[in-house]
Amino acid sequence: MSTIHPASSDAPPPSDRQSTGTLIVGGGVIGLSIAWELVRRGENVTVIDQGPIAHGTSWAAAGIFPPANFDRATDPIDRLRGFSHTLWPLWSQQLLDQTGIDPGLIRCGGLYLAETVGEASALTGMMSYWADLAVECERIDESELLRRQPRLKNWAQTNPWIQSHPTSAAWWTPDEYQIRPPRLLTALATACQSQGVTLLPHNTLLNLSSHAAGCSATIQSRDATDHLLQSERTVLCGGASMGSIFPEARLDSSVIPIRGQILLLNSETFTDPIVLNVGNRYLVARGDGNVLVGSCEEEVGFEPGTTDDVIQGLRHFANRVCPELESASVASHWSGHRPMTFDGFPMIGRVPDQPRLFVAGGHYRSGIHLACGTAVAMADAIEGKPSFMELSDFSVGKQQTAPR
């Protein structure tokens, strides 16, 4: 699968000394979303990334948005998710209007299926929780499941759980969305550029100092030339590399990279958009014959690439759940490193004792879904405005290591 990254080509190097209002380190979905929110508020913004802008783990994601409800949620992450879930249709339309690039947001609905007693119990608990949140979810039996998705007939007939519990075959939720991350990232980068955000791909942060009056950053471009960039503030959005960006922030042990691998199939028959969740794996049918199959969770550090055993396992899973995919061709496969914090909460806010330094990262598997809510929260924090929710659970201090 190919995509165009308008901001990924080499940009003109910065002058030997320049200034900006907000320097954002990291050009993935979190960094670009914050940049887009800030520039629309009239802020001057520069985004740097050591690699291409609009790529990395954000590009590698599947783009699944499970249902959420901000008004009823009490859990902090679910409130952030609910706020973002409400914003995404508006953001997608605004990006399309501004850039002509459709991020591919579809309210396709999601089926949640179980193959074991444990998976069925987990689903029952999750659906009970969703009911408390007033999220529409419906238990459907085997016959209704096959009426909606006849392609699952073979899987249902060979699934011991469904055969022994035909009235608990599946759950359906209509408010599940999917989005196409490469298109979204391209739209965000294009929108940022068109509104004056300076995007600097292939620029590495060598040194950063934060003081009461602002920040001074030494960055190195691809040609190994060093440049000084002054900013009123800096926001670290480095994904799984968060801990190594600025050692003085003491976040070196705050984020663990968790590799995920995805297989992309192309089917001539699976052309209706839907998300099929089976235990902790999924099929995401885009509606145009492209079907994503994922995923896995591997603690392998920053080791890149895919492995034959995982990709073969994903192919076997896809064929077993949906035999019509046996004839589908392999279009591509890839991996990304999800940024997981030790307590599962992303970091959103100011670094303690660093009045001009902010962090937005550690969103694990939900970075794209939580991006627009994170952007609004960060922009409010930068401008000193009250947030739409209490953010103390996302504070940076609890993720820091002890002073040495």
Protein backbone atom coordinates (compact mmCIF):
# COMPACT_ATOMS: atom_id res chain seq x y z
CA MET A 1 0.00 0.00 0.00
CA SER A 2 1.45 3.36 -0.98
CA THR A 3 0.61 6.84 0.14
CA ILE A 4 1.82 10.35 -0.50
CA HIS A 5 3.40 12.30 2.35
CA PRO A 6 3.59 15.92 1.19
CA ALA A 7 5.70 16.93 4.15
CA SER A 8 8.01 13.91 4.08
CA SER A 9 10.39 15.13 1.43
CA ASP A 10 13.40 17.18 2.45
CA ALA A 11 12.35 20.65 3.58
CA PRO A 12 14.67 23.63 3.30
CA PRO A 13 16.93 23.60 6.35
CA PRO A 14 16.19 26.19 9.01
CA SER A 15 18.34 29.28 9.18
CA ASP A 16 21.25 29.23 11.59
CA ARG A 17 19.07 30.93 14.17
CA GLN A 18 15.30 31.20 14.07
CA SER A 19 12.38 31.36 16.48
CA THR A 20 8.89 29.98 16.78
CA GLY A 21 6.05 30.11 19.25
CA THR A 22 5.70 26.37 19.81
CA LEU A 23 8.25 23.75 18.84
CA ILE A 24 6.70 20.28 18.54
CA VAL A 25 9.11 17.35 18.55
CA GLY A 26 7.46 14.45 16.73
CA GLY A 27 5.52 14.54 13.47
CA GLY A 28 3.07 11.70 14.06
CA VAL A 29 -0.66 11.99 14.62
CA ILE A 30 -0.33 13.52 18.11
CA GLY A 31 2.23 16.14 17.09
CA LEU A 32 0.41 17.10 13.88
CA SER A 33 -2.96 17.26 15.64
CA ILE A 34 -1.57 19.60 18.29
CA ALA A 35 0.07 21.70 15.58
CA TRP A 36 -3.19 21.95 13.62
CA GLU A 37 -5.18 22.91 16.73
CA LEU A 38 -2.62 25.53 17.76
CA VAL A 39 -2.22 27.14 14.34
CA ARG A 40 -5.98 27.50 14.06
CA ARG A 41 -5.85 29.39 17.35
CA GLY A 42 -3.36 31.82 15.87
CA GLU A 43 -0.17 30.28 17.25
CA ASN A 44 3.16 30.10 15.40
CA VAL A 45 4.20 26.43 15.23
CA THR A 46 7.18 24.40 14.03
CA VAL A 47 7.20 20.57 13.91
CA ILE A 48 10.42 18.58 13.65
CA ASP A 49 10.90 14.83 13.28
CA GLN A 50 14.05 12.74 13.01
CA GLY A 51 12.39 10.86 10.15
CA PRO A 52 9.62 11.73 7.70
CA ILE A 53 6.70 13.82 8.87
CA ALA A 54 3.36 11.97 8.91
CA HIS A 55 4.80 8.48 9.16
CA GLY A 56 6.08 6.19 11.93
CA THR A 57 3.76 4.24 14.19
CA SER A 58 0.81 6.51 13.42
CA TRP A 59 1.02 5.49 9.75
CA ALA A 60 1.16 1.81 10.76
CA ALA A 61 -2.03 1.83 12.84
CA ALA A 62 -5.27 0.10 11.83
CA GLY A 63 -7.46 3.10 12.66
CA ILE A 64 -10.22 1.45 14.74
CA PHE A 65 -12.39 3.77 16.85
CA PRO A 66 -14.53 1.79 19.33
CA PRO A 67 -17.68 3.53 20.59
CA ALA A 68 -17.47 6.00 23.45
CA ASN A 69 -19.58 8.49 25.38
CA PHE A 70 -17.98 11.53 27.00
CA ASP A 71 -21.07 12.63 28.94
CA ARG A 72 -21.53 9.33 30.80
CA ALA A 73 -17.92 8.23 31.25
CA THR A 74 -16.14 8.58 34.60
CA ASP A 75 -12.86 6.83 33.77
CA PRO A 76 -10.35 9.48 32.61
CA ILE A 77 -9.26 7.63 29.48
CA ASP A 78 -12.87 6.93 28.52
CA ARG A 79 -13.71 10.60 28.97
CA LEU A 80 -10.81 11.60 26.74
CA ARG A 81 -11.87 8.92 24.24
CA GLY A 82 -15.47 10.10 24.35
CA PHE A 83 -14.52 13.72 23.71
CA SER A 84 -12.31 12.70 20.78
CA HIS A 85 -14.97 10.36 19.41
CA THR A 86 -17.38 13.28 19.24
CA LEU A 87 -14.82 15.53 17.53
CA TRP A 88 -13.64 13.13 14.83
CA PRO A 89 -16.52 13.59 12.35
CA LEU A 90 -16.03 17.37 12.55
CA TRP A 91 -12.25 17.15 12.19
CA SER A 92 -12.52 14.77 9.25
CA GLN A 93 -14.90 17.07 7.42
CA GLN A 94 -12.74 20.12 8.15
CA LEU A 95 -9.64 18.33 6.85
CA LEU A 96 -11.48 17.28 3.70
CA ASP A 97 -12.78 20.81 3.14
CA GLN A 98 -9.36 22.39 3.68
CA THR A 99 -7.16 19.91 1.81
CA GLY A 100 -9.38 17.90 -0.51
CA ILE A 101 -8.00 14.74 1.16
CA ASP A 102 -10.59 12.39 2.64
CA PRO A 103 -9.26 10.75 5.85
CA GLY A 104 -11.67 7.87 5.23
CA LEU A 105 -13.69 8.10 8.44
CA ILE A 106 -16.59 5.62 8.23
CA ARG A 107 -19.19 4.79 10.87
CA CYS A 108 -19.15 1.16 9.80
CA GLY A 109 -20.16 -0.54 13.04
CA GLY A 110 -18.32 -3.36 14.76
CA LEU A 111 -18.99 -7.00 15.53
CA TYR A 112 -17.44 -8.45 18.70
CA LEU A 113 -17.03 -12.22 18.60
CA ALA A 114 -15.78 -14.80 21.07
CA GLU A 115 -14.11 -18.17 20.56
CA THR A 116 -13.53 -19.17 24.19
CA VAL A 117 -15.28 -18.94 27.53
CA GLY A 118 -12.75 -16.36 28.66
CA GLU A 119 -13.31 -14.18 25.61
CA ALA A 120 -17.09 -14.47 26.02
CA SER A 121 -16.84 -13.44 29.68
CA ALA A 122 -14.64 -10.46 28.80
CA LEU A 123 -17.12 -9.39 26.12
CA THR A 124 -20.04 -9.68 28.51
CA GLY A 125 -18.25 -7.44 30.99
CA MET A 126 -17.30 -4.91 28.33
CA MET A 127 -20.81 -4.76 26.94
CA SER A 128 -22.23 -4.29 30.43
CA TYR A 129 -19.84 -1.38 30.88
CA TRP A 130 -20.87 0.08 27.53
CA ALA A 131 -24.51 -0.22 28.55
CA ASP A 132 -23.70 1.83 31.65
CA LEU A 133 -22.20 4.44 29.32
CA ALA A 134 -25.38 4.44 27.22
CA VAL A 135 -23.37 3.12 24.26
CA GLU A 136 -25.66 1.25 21.91
CA CYS A 137 -24.69 -2.43 21.85
CA GLU A 138 -26.86 -5.40 20.93
CA ARG A 139 -26.41 -9.09 21.66
CA ILE A 140 -27.23 -11.11 18.53
CA ASP A 141 -27.63 -14.86 18.16
CA GLU A 142 -26.04 -17.11 15.59
CA SER A 143 -28.82 -16.83 13.04
CA GLU A 144 -28.79 -13.01 13.15
CA LEU A 145 -25.00 -12.98 12.97
CA LEU A 146 -25.06 -15.08 9.81
CA ARG A 147 -27.86 -13.03 8.32
CA ARG A 148 -25.70 -9.94 8.67
CA GLN A 149 -22.40 -11.62 7.80
CA PRO A 150 -23.01 -14.88 5.90
CA ARG A 151 -19.28 -15.08 5.20
CA LEU A 152 -18.86 -16.14 8.87
CA LYS A 153 -20.90 -19.34 8.43
CA ASN A 154 -17.96 -21.74 8.40
CA TRP A 155 -16.33 -20.00 11.36
CA ALA A 156 -19.56 -20.14 13.39
CA GLN A 157 -20.17 -23.80 12.58
CA THR A 158 -16.68 -24.78 13.74
CA ASN A 159 -16.65 -22.53 16.82
CA PRO A 160 -17.31 -24.68 19.92
CA TRP A 161 -18.38 -21.67 21.97
CA ILE A 162 -21.04 -20.55 19.52
CA GLN A 163 -22.31 -24.06 18.97
CA SER A 164 -22.78 -24.54 22.70
CA HIS A 165 -24.11 -21.00 23.27
CA PRO A 166 -25.94 -20.03 20.04
CA THR A 167 -27.76 -17.15 21.73
CA SER A 168 -24.46 -15.54 22.77
CA ALA A 169 -22.79 -15.59 19.39
CA ALA A 170 -21.84 -11.96 19.09
CA TRP A 171 -22.36 -8.37 20.04
CA TRP A 172 -23.02 -5.59 17.56
CA THR A 173 -22.32 -1.90 18.11
CA PRO A 174 -23.26 0.55 15.34
CA ASP A 175 -21.09 3.43 16.61
CA GLU A 176 -17.72 1.86 15.80
CA TYR A 177 -15.70 3.91 13.31
CA GLN A 178 -12.69 3.24 11.17
CA ILE A 179 -10.30 5.74 9.61
CA ARG A 180 -7.39 5.40 7.19
CA PRO A 181 -4.26 6.55 9.04
CA PRO A 182 -2.06 7.26 5.96
CA ARG A 183 -4.77 9.47 4.47
CA LEU A 184 -5.40 11.15 7.83
CA LEU A 185 -1.72 11.91 8.35
CA THR A 186 -1.37 13.25 4.83
CA ALA A 187 -4.40 15.48 5.39
CA LEU A 188 -3.07 16.74 8.73
CA ALA A 189 0.37 17.51 7.31
CA THR A 190 -1.16 19.27 4.31
CA ALA A 191 -3.56 21.26 6.50
CA CYS A 192 -0.73 22.30 8.82
CA GLN A 193 1.45 23.43 5.92
CA SER A 194 -1.36 25.36 4.26
CA GLN A 195 -1.95 27.32 7.47
CA GLY A 196 1.68 28.21 8.01
CA VAL A 197 3.09 25.47 10.24
CA THR A 198 6.78 24.90 9.52
CA LEU A 199 7.40 21.17 9.03
CA LEU A 200 11.01 19.98 9.27
CA PRO A 201 11.43 16.25 8.51
CA HIS A 202 14.78 14.52 9.02
CA ASN A 203 15.82 16.95 11.74
CA THR A 204 17.16 15.46 14.95
CA LEU A 205 16.97 17.19 18.31
CA LEU A 206 20.52 17.25 19.67
CA ASN A 207 20.05 19.45 22.69
CA LEU A 208 17.21 21.23 24.43
CA SER A 209 17.28 23.68 27.30
CA SER A 210 14.16 24.92 29.00
CA HIS A 211 14.10 28.05 31.12
CA ALA A 212 11.59 30.57 32.40
CA ALA A 213 11.70 32.69 29.24
CA GLY A 214 11.43 29.85 26.72
CA CYS A 215 13.39 27.02 25.13
CA SER A 216 16.55 26.73 23.05
CA ALA A 217 16.94 23.71 20.80
CA THR A 218 19.89 22.58 18.74
CA ILE A 219 18.68 20.53 15.80
CA GLN A 220 20.65 18.73 13.13
CA SER A 221 19.39 18.42 9.58
CA ARG A 222 20.02 15.48 7.27
CA ASP A 223 23.17 17.12 5.87
CA ALA A 224 24.65 17.09 9.42
CA THR A 225 24.33 20.87 9.79
CA ASP A 226 23.43 22.13 13.26
CA HIS A 227 20.92 24.94 13.76
CA LEU A 228 19.63 26.82 16.80
CA LEU A 229 15.88 27.13 17.20
CA GLN A 230 14.38 29.38 19.88
CA SER A 231 10.80 28.81 21.02
CA GLU A 232 8.43 30.10 23.63
CA ARG A 233 7.67 26.48 24.56
CA THR A 234 8.38 22.92 23.43
CA VAL A 235 6.02 19.95 23.26
CA LEU A 236 7.55 16.46 23.22
CA CYS A 237 5.47 14.06 21.12
CA GLY A 238 7.99 11.37 20.28
CA GLY A 239 5.82 8.26 20.59
CA ALA A 240 7.71 5.21 21.79
CA SER A 241 10.97 7.20 21.64
CA MET A 242 9.66 9.69 24.18
CA GLY A 243 12.14 8.80 26.91
CA SER A 244 15.23 9.45 24.81
CA ILE A 245 14.26 12.84 23.34
CA PHE A 246 15.20 15.00 26.32
CA PRO A 247 16.92 13.15 29.19
CA GLU A 248 16.46 16.08 31.58
CA ALA A 249 12.71 15.42 31.54
CA ARG A 250 13.47 12.11 33.31
CA LEU A 251 11.13 10.09 31.11
CA ASP A 252 13.72 7.49 30.10
CA SER A 253 11.73 4.66 31.75
CA SER A 254 8.26 6.07 31.18
CA VAL A 255 7.40 4.46 27.83
CA ILE A 256 7.86 0.89 26.62
CA PRO A 257 7.77 0.15 22.88
CA ILE A 258 5.34 -2.66 22.06
CA ARG A 259 5.64 -3.91 18.50
CA GLY A 260 2.50 -4.70 16.55
CA GLN A 261 2.37 -6.37 13.14
CA ILE A 262 -0.37 -5.97 10.52
CA LEU A 263 -1.15 -7.90 7.35
CA LEU A 264 -2.99 -6.24 4.45
CA LEU A 265 -5.01 -8.45 2.10
CA ASN A 266 -6.81 -7.51 -1.07
CA SER A 267 -10.11 -9.31 -1.70
CA GLU A 268 -12.36 -9.08 -4.73
CA THR A 269 -15.42 -10.06 -2.68
CA PHE A 270 -15.07 -8.54 0.80
CA THR A 271 -16.21 -5.07 -0.23
CA ASP A 272 -18.50 -3.97 2.61
CA PRO A 273 -16.85 -1.89 5.36
CA ILE A 274 -16.92 -3.38 8.86
CA VAL A 275 -14.70 -4.14 11.84
CA LEU A 276 -14.72 -7.76 13.06
CA ASN A 277 -13.20 -8.11 16.54
CA VAL A 278 -12.36 -11.68 17.57
CA GLY A 279 -10.79 -11.84 21.00
CA ASN A 280 -7.75 -9.54 20.81
CA ARG A 281 -7.43 -9.74 17.01
CA TYR A 282 -9.42 -8.10 14.24
CA LEU A 283 -10.30 -7.79 10.59
CA VAL A 284 -10.86 -4.26 9.28
CA ALA A 285 -12.60 -4.28 5.91
CA ARG A 286 -12.16 -0.90 4.23
CA GLY A 287 -15.02 -1.37 1.79
CA ASP A 288 -12.85 -1.38 -1.32
CA GLY A 289 -11.42 -4.89 -1.07
CA ASN A 290 -8.60 -3.96 1.32
CA VAL A 291 -8.77 -5.96 4.56
CA LEU A 292 -6.36 -5.33 7.43
CA VAL A 293 -5.58 -8.26 9.73
CA GLY A 294 -4.07 -7.63 13.14
CA SER A 295 -2.43 -7.67 15.45
CA CYS A 296 0.10 -8.77 18.05
CA GLU A 297 1.90 -7.35 21.07
CA GLU A 298 5.64 -7.99 21.31
CA GLU A 299 8.19 -6.65 23.78
CA VAL A 300 11.19 -6.66 21.44
CA GLY A 301 12.48 -3.16 22.06
CA PHE A 302 12.74 -1.08 18.90
CA GLU A 303 13.38 -4.07 16.63
CA PRO A 304 11.72 -3.16 13.31
CA GLY A 305 9.98 -5.24 10.67
CA THR A 306 7.69 -8.23 10.56
CA THR A 307 8.29 -11.90 11.25
CA ASP A 308 7.17 -14.87 9.18
CA ASP A 309 5.53 -16.68 12.08
CA VAL A 310 3.35 -13.73 13.10
CA ILE A 311 2.35 -12.85 9.53
CA GLN A 312 1.55 -16.48 8.79
CA GLY A 313 -0.46 -16.62 12.01
CA LEU A 314 -2.46 -13.56 10.98
CA ARG A 315 -3.10 -15.10 7.55
CA HIS A 316 -4.28 -18.34 9.17
CA PHE A 317 -6.55 -16.35 11.50
CA ALA A 318 -8.09 -14.43 8.58
CA ASN A 319 -8.66 -17.58 6.53
CA ARG A 320 -10.21 -19.38 9.49
CA VAL A 321 -12.62 -16.59 10.38
CA CYS A 322 -13.48 -15.75 6.79
CA PRO A 323 -12.66 -18.56 4.30
CA GLU A 324 -13.34 -16.29 1.33
CA LEU A 325 -10.09 -14.52 2.24
CA GLU A 326 -8.13 -17.63 1.27
CA SER A 327 -8.25 -16.33 -2.30
CA ALA A 328 -7.23 -12.81 -1.28
CA SER A 329 -3.79 -11.63 -2.31
CA VAL A 330 -1.23 -10.27 0.14
CA ALA A 331 -0.87 -6.55 -0.57
CA SER A 332 1.61 -5.67 2.17
CA HIS A 333 2.59 -6.15 5.79
CA TRP A 334 4.28 -3.84 8.27
CA SER A 335 4.90 -3.13 11.93
CA GLY A 336 4.87 -0.23 14.37
CA HIS A 337 5.92 0.41 17.96
CA ARG A 338 3.09 1.40 20.28
CA PRO A 339 4.11 3.65 23.21
CA MET A 340 2.90 2.04 26.45
CA THR A 341 3.28 3.77 29.82
CA PHE A 342 3.69 1.78 33.01
CA ASP A 343 0.19 2.65 34.28
CA GLY A 344 -1.61 2.70 30.93
CA PHE A 345 -2.32 6.44 31.05
CA PRO A 346 -0.96 8.77 28.38
CA MET A 347 0.99 11.83 29.46
CA ILE A 348 -0.63 15.18 28.65
CA GLY A 349 0.63 18.33 30.28
CA ARG A 350 3.53 20.35 31.60
CA VAL A 351 6.72 18.78 32.87
CA PRO A 352 7.14 19.59 36.58
CA ASP A 353 9.80 22.25 37.24
CA GLN A 354 9.99 22.96 33.50
CA PRO A 355 7.48 25.79 32.91
CA ARG A 356 8.06 25.90 29.14
CA LEU A 357 8.21 22.16 28.46
CA PHE A 358 5.15 19.99 27.73
CA VAL A 359 4.59 16.32 26.94
CA ALA A 360 1.90 14.54 24.92
CA GLY A 361 2.55 10.84 24.46
CA GLY A 362 2.17 7.29 25.68
CA HIS A 363 -1.26 6.67 24.11
CA TYR A 364 -0.45 2.99 23.43
CA ARG A 365 -3.07 1.47 21.08
CA SER A 366 -5.34 4.54 21.00
CA GLY A 367 -3.14 7.34 19.71
CA ILE A 368 -5.21 8.12 16.63
CA HIS A 369 -8.55 7.83 18.42
CA LEU A 370 -7.37 10.12 21.24
CA ALA A 371 -5.47 12.57 19.03
CA CYS A 372 -7.99 15.37 18.63
CA GLY A 373 -8.97 15.34 22.31
CA THR A 374 -5.29 15.40 23.25
CA ALA A 375 -4.72 18.31 20.87
CA VAL A 376 -7.49 20.39 22.42
CA ALA A 377 -6.32 19.55 25.95
CA MET A 378 -2.72 20.47 25.13
CA ALA A 379 -3.68 23.71 23.38
CA ASP A 380 -5.81 24.69 26.39
CA ALA A 381 -2.90 23.92 28.74
CA ILE A 382 -0.50 25.99 26.66
CA GLU A 383 -2.92 28.92 26.59
CA GLY A 384 -3.73 28.58 30.29
CA LYS A 385 -7.41 27.89 29.63
CA PRO A 386 -9.68 25.54 31.62
CA SER A 387 -9.80 22.11 30.03
CA PHE A 388 -12.90 20.19 28.99
CA MET A 389 -11.98 17.61 31.66
CA GLU A 390 -9.73 17.09 34.65
CA LEU A 391 -6.26 16.13 33.40
CA SER A 392 -4.44 15.27 36.64
CA ASP A 393 -4.59 11.54 35.83
CA PHE A 394 -2.47 12.26 32.76
CA SER A 395 0.14 14.28 34.65
CA VAL A 396 3.75 13.88 33.62
CA GLY A 397 5.22 13.87 37.12
CA LYS A 398 4.08 10.39 38.09
CA GLN A 399 5.80 8.99 34.99
CA GLN A 400 9.16 10.53 35.80
CA THR A 401 12.07 8.62 37.27
CA ALA A 402 13.61 9.79 40.55
CA PRO A 403 16.23 12.55 40.30
CA ARG A 404 19.75 11.19 40.04
